[in-house]
C-alpha atoms as a PDB file:
ATOM      1  CA  MET A   1       0.000   0.000   0.000  1.00  0.00           C
ATOM      2  CA  TRP A   2       2.731   2.474   0.923  1.00  0.00           C
ATOM      3  CA  TYR A   3       4.499   1.637  -2.287  1.00  0.00           C
ATOM      4  CA  SER A   4       1.444   2.659  -4.301  1.00  0.00           C
ATOM      5  CA  ILE A   5       1.186   5.961  -2.405  1.00  0.00           C
ATOM      6  CA  LEU A   6       4.875   6.692  -2.980  1.00  0.00           C
ATOM      7  CA  TYR A   7       4.506   5.704  -6.633  1.00  0.00           C
ATOM      8  CA  THR A   8       1.566   8.087  -6.904  1.00  0.00           C
ATOM      9  CA  LEU A   9       3.582  10.966  -5.501  1.00  0.00           C
ATOM     10  CA  ASN A  10       6.389  10.295  -8.017  1.00  0.00           C
ATOM     11  CA  ALA A  11       4.083  10.076 -11.055  1.00  0.00           C
ATOM     12  CA  SER A  12       4.460  12.679 -13.804  1.00  0.00           C
ATOM     13  CA  GLY A  13       2.183  14.735 -16.039  1.00  0.00           C
ATOM     14  CA  PRO A  14      -1.588  15.053 -15.684  1.00  0.00           C
ATOM     15  CA  ASN A  15      -1.684  11.679 -13.962  1.00  0.00           C
ATOM     16  CA  ARG A  16       0.369  13.129 -11.083  1.00  0.00           C
ATOM     17  CA  TRP A  17      -2.086  15.982 -10.451  1.00  0.00           C
ATOM     18  CA  PHE A  18      -5.048  13.615 -10.441  1.00  0.00           C
ATOM     19  CA  MET A  19      -3.410  11.063  -8.164  1.00  0.00           C
ATOM     20  CA  ASN A  20      -2.155  13.734  -5.761  1.00  0.00           C
ATOM     21  CA  SER A  21      -5.652  15.198  -5.494  1.00  0.00           C
ATOM     22  CA  ILE A  22      -7.036  11.751  -4.686  1.00  0.00           C
ATOM     23  CA  VAL A  23      -4.425  11.282  -1.945  1.00  0.00           C
ATOM     24  CA  PHE A  24      -5.131  14.785  -0.588  1.00  0.00           C
ATOM     25  CA  TRP A  25      -8.905  14.227  -0.470  1.00  0.00           C
ATOM     26  CA  GLY A  26      -8.343  10.819   1.080  1.00  0.00           C
ATOM     27  CA  PHE A  27      -6.533  12.477   3.999  1.00  0.00           C
ATOM     28  CA  VAL A  28      -9.247  15.153   4.253  1.00  0.00           C
ATOM     29  CA  MET A  29     -11.936  12.466   4.438  1.00  0.00           C
ATOM     30  CA  LEU A  30      -9.948  10.511   7.018  1.00  0.00           C
ATOM     31  CA  GLY A  31      -9.621  13.658   9.146  1.00  0.00           C
ATOM     32  CA  ALA A  32     -13.336  14.448   8.837  1.00  0.00           C
ATOM     33  CA  MET A  33     -14.290  10.905   9.831  1.00  0.00           C
ATOM     34  CA  THR A  34     -11.925  11.091  12.822  1.00  0.00           C
ATOM     35  CA  ILE A  35     -13.457  14.344  14.048  1.00  0.00           C
ATOM     36  CA  GLY A  36     -16.992  13.031  13.522  1.00  0.00           C
ATOM     37  CA  GLY A  37     -16.115   9.813  15.321  1.00  0.00           C
ATOM     38  CA  PHE A  38     -14.813  11.762  18.292  1.00  0.00           C
ATOM     39  CA  PHE A  39     -18.098  13.638  18.690  1.00  0.00           C
ATOM     40  CA  MET A  40     -20.152  10.483  18.175  1.00  0.00           C
ATOM     41  CA  PHE A  41     -18.103   8.761  20.882  1.00  0.00           C
ATOM     42  CA  ARG A  42     -18.770  11.652  23.286  1.00  0.00           C
ATOM     43  CA  LYS A  43     -22.499  11.367  22.600  1.00  0.00           C
ATOM     44  CA  PHE A  44     -22.309   7.595  23.103  1.00  0.00           C
ATOM     45  CA  MET A  45     -20.625   8.094  26.485  1.00  0.00           C
ATOM     46  CA  LYS A  46     -23.496  10.347  27.624  1.00  0.00           C
ATOM     47  CA  VAL A  47     -26.045   7.639  26.810  1.00  0.00           C
ATOM     48  CA  LEU A  48     -24.302   4.865  28.776  1.00  0.00           C
ATOM     49  CA  PRO A  49     -25.972   4.136  32.118  1.00  0.00           C
ATOM     50  CA  LYS A  50     -24.058   4.995  35.268  1.00  0.00           C
ATOM     51  CA  ALA A  51     -24.005   3.070  38.560  1.00  0.00           C
ATOM     52  CA  ASP A  52     -27.546   4.230  39.400  1.00  0.00           C
ATOM     53  CA  GLY A  53     -28.907   2.811  36.132  1.00  0.00           C
ATOM     54  CA  MET A  54     -29.592   6.170  34.474  1.00  0.00           C
ATOM     55  CA  SER A  55     -27.410   7.952  31.931  1.00  0.00           C
ATOM     56  CA  LYS A  56     -26.448  11.615  31.950  1.00  0.00           C
ATOM     57  CA  LEU A  57     -29.122  12.329  29.321  1.00  0.00           C
ATOM     58  CA  ASP A  58     -31.731  10.443  31.369  1.00  0.00           C
ATOM     59  CA  TRP A  59     -30.950  12.639  34.376  1.00  0.00           C
ATOM     60  CA  GLN A  60     -31.183  15.791  32.257  1.00  0.00           C
ATOM     61  CA  ASN A  61     -34.598  14.755  30.963  1.00  0.00           C
ATOM     62  CA  HIS A  62     -35.676  13.860  34.500  1.00  0.00           C
ATOM     63  CA  TRP A  63     -34.765  17.285  35.932  1.00  0.00           C
ATOM     64  CA  VAL A  64     -36.321  19.168  33.016  1.00  0.00           C
ATOM     65  CA  GLU A  65     -39.616  17.260  33.341  1.00  0.00           C
ATOM     66  CA  LYS A  66     -39.786  17.554  37.132  1.00  0.00           C
ATOM     67  CA  SER A  67     -39.144  21.309  37.048  1.00  0.00           C
ATOM     68  CA  ARG A  68     -41.268  22.198  33.997  1.00  0.00           C
ATOM     69  CA  HIS A  69     -44.065  23.662  36.158  1.00  0.00           C
ATOM     70  CA  LEU A  70     -41.613  25.982  37.958  1.00  0.00           C
ATOM     71  CA  TRP A  71     -40.591  27.945  34.868  1.00  0.00           C
ATOM     72  CA  SER A  72     -42.098  31.427  34.453  1.00  0.00           C
ATOM     73  CA  GLU A  73     -41.937  33.465  31.252  1.00  0.00           C
ATOM     74  CA  ASP A  74     -39.296  35.713  32.859  1.00  0.00           C
ATOM     75  CA  ALA A  75     -37.095  32.693  33.670  1.00  0.00           C
ATOM     76  CA  LYS A  76     -37.500  31.306  30.146  1.00  0.00           C
ATOM     77  CA  SER A  77     -36.538  34.600  28.527  1.00  0.00           C
ATOM     78  CA  PHE A  78     -33.571  34.919  30.916  1.00  0.00           C
ATOM     79  CA  LEU A  79     -32.440  31.410  29.921  1.00  0.00           C
ATOM     80  CA  ASP A  80     -32.697  32.447  26.262  1.00  0.00           C
ATOM     81  CA  LEU A  81     -30.458  35.427  27.054  1.00  0.00           C
ATOM     82  CA  LEU A  82     -27.932  33.186  28.806  1.00  0.00           C
ATOM     83  CA  VAL A  83     -27.636  30.735  25.891  1.00  0.00           C
ATOM     84  CA  ALA A  84     -27.508  33.491  23.238  1.00  0.00           C
ATOM     85  CA  PRO A  85     -23.687  33.342  22.820  1.00  0.00           C
ATOM     86  CA  VAL A  86     -23.778  29.588  22.084  1.00  0.00           C
ATOM     87  CA  PRO A  87     -23.567  28.879  18.328  1.00  0.00           C
ATOM     88  CA  SER A  88     -27.012  28.175  16.908  1.00  0.00           C
ATOM     89  CA  ALA A  89     -26.105  24.604  15.937  1.00  0.00           C
ATOM     90  CA  PHE A  90     -25.500  23.717  19.603  1.00  0.00           C
ATOM     91  CA  ARG A  91     -27.909  26.143  21.297  1.00  0.00           C
ATOM     92  CA  ASP A  92     -30.802  23.702  21.827  1.00  0.00           C
ATOM     93  CA  ILE A  93     -28.539  21.082  23.397  1.00  0.00           C
ATOM     94  CA  ALA A  94     -26.868  23.682  25.621  1.00  0.00           C
ATOM     95  CA  LYS A  95     -30.240  25.132  26.596  1.00  0.00           C
ATOM     96  CA  HIS A  96     -31.533  21.696  27.573  1.00  0.00           C
ATOM     97  CA  SER A  97     -28.509  20.818  29.716  1.00  0.00           C
ATOM     98  CA  ILE A  98     -28.471  24.248  31.395  1.00  0.00           C
ATOM     99  CA  ALA A  99     -32.246  24.075  32.006  1.00  0.00           C
ATOM    100  CA  ALA A 100     -31.765  20.645  33.592  1.00  0.00           C
ATOM    101  CA  GLU A 101     -29.158  22.018  35.994  1.00  0.00           C
ATOM    102  CA  ILE A 102     -31.324  25.060  36.800  1.00  0.00           C
ATOM    103  CA  GLY A 103     -34.339  22.819  37.429  1.00  0.00           C
ATOM    104  CA  LYS A 104     -32.288  20.571  39.686  1.00  0.00           C
ATOM    105  CA  ILE A 105     -31.099  23.545  41.735  1.00  0.00           C
ATOM    106  CA  ALA A 106     -34.619  24.995  41.989  1.00  0.00           C
ATOM    107  CA  LEU A 107     -36.101  21.664  43.090  1.00  0.00           C
ATOM    108  CA  GLU A 108     -33.358  21.069  45.650  1.00  0.00           C
ATOM    109  CA  ASP A 109     -33.985  24.558  47.075  1.00  0.00           C
ATOM    110  CA  GLY A 110     -37.678  23.720  47.368  1.00  0.00           C
ATOM    111  CA  SER A 111     -38.733  26.947  45.697  1.00  0.00           C
ATOM    112  CA  ASP A 112     -42.078  27.598  44.022  1.00  0.00           C
ATOM    113  CA  GLU A 113     -40.602  28.960  40.797  1.00  0.00           C
ATOM    114  CA  VAL A 114     -37.312  29.294  38.964  1.00  0.00           C
ATOM    115  CA  THR A 115     -35.723  32.666  39.740  1.00  0.00           C
ATOM    116  CA  ARG A 116     -32.877  34.578  38.147  1.00  0.00           C
ATOM    117  CA  ASP A 117     -30.729  33.438  41.064  1.00  0.00           C
ATOM    118  CA  HIS A 118     -31.365  29.807  40.110  1.00  0.00           C
ATOM    119  CA  CYS A 119     -30.690  30.610  36.454  1.00  0.00           C
ATOM    120  CA  ILE A 120     -27.335  32.245  37.136  1.00  0.00           C
ATOM    121  CA  LYS A 121     -26.276  29.500  39.536  1.00  0.00           C
ATOM    122  CA  GLY A 122     -27.354  26.747  37.121  1.00  0.00           C
ATOM    123  CA  TYR A 123     -25.709  28.511  34.183  1.00  0.00           C
ATOM    124  CA  ILE A 124     -22.396  28.696  36.028  1.00  0.00           C
ATOM    125  CA  VAL A 125     -22.561  25.079  37.214  1.00  0.00           C
ATOM    126  CA  ALA A 126     -23.595  23.724  33.794  1.00  0.00           C
ATOM    127  CA  THR A 127     -20.914  25.635  31.878  1.00  0.00           C
ATOM    128  CA  PRO A 128     -17.644  23.710  31.463  1.00  0.00           C
ATOM    129  CA  GLN A 129     -14.716  25.107  33.456  1.00  0.00           C
ATOM    130  CA  ARG A 130     -12.728  25.703  30.266  1.00  0.00           C
ATOM    131  CA  ASP A 131     -15.365  28.287  29.253  1.00  0.00           C
ATOM    132  CA  ASN A 132     -15.255  30.283  32.512  1.00  0.00           C
ATOM    133  CA  LYS A 133     -13.419  33.252  30.965  1.00  0.00           C
ATOM    134  CA  PHE A 134     -16.103  33.539  28.250  1.00  0.00           C
ATOM    135  CA  LEU A 135     -18.765  33.098  30.918  1.00  0.00           C
ATOM    136  CA  VAL A 136     -17.353  35.935  33.036  1.00  0.00           C
ATOM    137  CA  ARG A 137     -17.029  38.188  29.985  1.00  0.00           C
ATOM    138  CA  PHE A 138     -20.646  37.493  28.998  1.00  0.00           C
ATOM    139  CA  LEU A 139     -21.981  38.111  32.516  1.00  0.00           C
ATOM    140  CA  GLU A 140     -20.036  41.379  32.808  1.00  0.00           C
ATOM    141  CA  LYS A 141     -21.204  42.499  29.354  1.00  0.00           C
ATOM    142  CA  ASN A 142     -24.832  41.965  30.393  1.00  0.00           C
ATOM    143  CA  GLN A 143     -24.193  43.628  33.783  1.00  0.00           C
ATOM    144  CA  ILE A 144     -25.100  40.496  35.734  1.00  0.00           C
ATOM    145  CA  ASP A 145     -23.532  40.354  39.179  1.00  0.00           C
ATOM    146  CA  TYR A 146     -21.851  36.983  39.594  1.00  0.00           C
ATOM    147  CA  THR A 147     -19.807  37.730  42.723  1.00  0.00           C
ATOM    148  CA  PRO A 148     -22.125  35.710  45.029  1.00  0.00           C
ATOM    149  CA  TYR A 149     -21.434  32.706  42.777  1.00  0.00           C
ATOM    150  CA  GLN A 150     -17.672  33.199  42.484  1.00  0.00           C
ATOM    151  CA  HIS A 151     -17.097  30.073  44.541  1.00  0.00           C
ATOM    152  CA  LEU A 152     -18.766  27.976  41.827  1.00  0.00           C
ATOM    153  CA  MET A 153     -16.100  28.958  39.305  1.00  0.00           C
ATOM    154  CA  ASN A 154     -12.596  27.582  39.448  1.00  0.00           C
ATOM    155  CA  LYS A 155     -10.288  30.252  38.109  1.00  0.00           C
END
């Protein structure tokens, strides 16, 4: 196999251009399949059940369903504001996982409705630590005081 690739790279004339383009696109396709496989593997890992028998996605669905009655229009619009910087391709998934964390926090507090306090706390907890600098920049830009929740961020 390697011999044929080396032979292709040493070909001459119009045949060389064609064969080199095939090799180039072969590497591009291999790279694209590798990247796609990585993201599919991450999704697969979220679906696997944990020790309690439920997967991460099952728990997210559980918290969203249990807290659905607690959401007011103000809380929903505030959640939309919080997920606005997420690229549109990933916004629904991010909104669902953040809403699950907010619902969990609101239910554990025993409150009657989801407040902005719950939204900010859930947003900070649900955001990966690698995105904390973007999170802080976004909160400061929207003039949202996050100092009471500073302990939730690891800087």
